[in-house]
Amino acid sequence: MVNVNIEDDKYKVLEARGKEKGYEDTEEYIDYLISQIVRKIKREKQGENKDKSGEKEQGEEEEVKEKLKDLGYM
């Protein structure tokens, strides 16, 4: 486990929000928030990998074609 220093004013905001959301303690809430950020980063990385393989671009191209068909341009 790693310890992270958080400025007092920021910690107080997180502490209040954690209580509002029903977390037992502030550390549990902060862990939840960090987990959400890590998941987002991983999804973004997966998206980058798809871009490199061309899969995402093909999917986006198909979406654009479908939208153009729906609008009567194709």
Protein backbone atom coordinates (compact mmCIF):
# COMPACT_ATOMS: atom_id res chain seq x y z
CA MET A 1 0.00 0.00 0.00
CA VAL A 2 1.13 3.53 -0.81
CA ASN A 3 0.38 6.62 1.25
CA VAL A 4 -0.62 9.78 -0.57
CA ASN A 5 -0.65 13.27 0.89
CA ILE A 6 -3.83 15.24 0.24
CA GLU A 7 -4.18 18.90 1.11
CA ASP A 8 -6.47 19.46 4.10
CA ASP A 9 -9.06 21.47 2.19
CA LYS A 10 -9.38 18.79 -0.49
CA TYR A 11 -9.55 16.04 2.10
CA LYS A 12 -12.37 17.83 3.92
CA VAL A 13 -14.39 18.03 0.69
CA LEU A 14 -13.82 14.32 0.04
CA GLU A 15 -14.62 13.49 3.65
CA ALA A 16 -17.96 15.34 3.47
CA ARG A 17 -18.85 13.80 0.11
CA GLY A 18 -17.94 10.31 1.32
CA LYS A 19 -20.30 10.70 4.25
CA GLU A 20 -23.07 11.94 1.94
CA LYS A 21 -22.61 8.89 -0.25
CA GLY A 22 -22.70 6.51 2.72
CA TYR A 23 -19.07 5.41 2.84
CA GLU A 24 -17.83 4.13 6.19
CA ASP A 25 -14.69 6.26 6.04
CA THR A 26 -12.99 8.76 3.78
CA GLU A 27 -10.25 6.37 2.71
CA GLU A 28 -12.87 3.96 1.34
CA TYR A 29 -14.42 6.78 -0.71
CA ILE A 30 -11.05 7.94 -2.02
CA ASP A 31 -10.21 4.35 -2.99
CA TYR A 32 -13.51 4.16 -4.89
CA LEU A 33 -12.73 7.40 -6.76
CA ILE A 34 -9.25 6.27 -7.68
CA SER A 35 -10.64 2.92 -8.88
CA GLN A 36 -13.02 4.79 -11.18
CA ILE A 37 -10.15 6.83 -12.61
CA VAL A 38 -8.01 3.72 -13.15
CA ARG A 39 -10.90 2.01 -15.00
CA LYS A 40 -11.30 5.06 -17.23
CA ILE A 41 -7.59 5.08 -18.02
CA LYS A 42 -7.69 1.38 -18.90
CA ARG A 43 -10.69 1.92 -21.21
CA GLU A 44 -8.86 4.78 -22.92
CA LYS A 45 -5.78 2.60 -23.36
CA GLN A 46 -7.91 -0.18 -24.87
CA GLY A 47 -9.38 2.40 -27.24
CA GLU A 48 -5.90 3.47 -28.29
CA ASN A 49 -4.99 -0.13 -29.00
CA LYS A 50 -8.11 -0.54 -31.13
CA ASP A 51 -7.21 2.62 -33.03
CA LYS A 52 -3.81 1.16 -33.80
CA SER A 53 -5.34 -2.00 -35.21
CA GLY A 54 -7.84 -0.08 -37.32
CA GLU A 55 -10.88 -1.79 -35.80
CA LYS A 56 -12.28 1.33 -34.21
CA GLU A 57 -11.84 3.39 -37.38
CA GLN A 58 -13.79 0.84 -39.42
CA GLY A 59 -16.58 0.82 -36.85
CA GLU A 60 -16.75 4.60 -36.86
CA GLU A 61 -16.80 4.64 -40.66
CA GLU A 62 -19.75 2.25 -40.68
CA GLU A 63 -21.59 4.43 -38.16
CA VAL A 64 -21.10 7.49 -40.35
CA LYS A 65 -22.35 5.58 -43.41
CA GLU A 66 -25.45 4.46 -41.52
CA LYS A 67 -26.17 8.01 -40.38
CA LEU A 68 -25.76 9.30 -43.92
CA LYS A 69 -28.15 6.61 -45.19
CA ASP A 70 -30.69 7.53 -42.52
CA LEU A 71 -30.45 11.15 -43.58
CA GLY A 72 -30.93 10.20 -47.26
CA TYR A 73 -27.47 11.13 -48.48
CA MET A 74 -26.58 7.60 -49.56
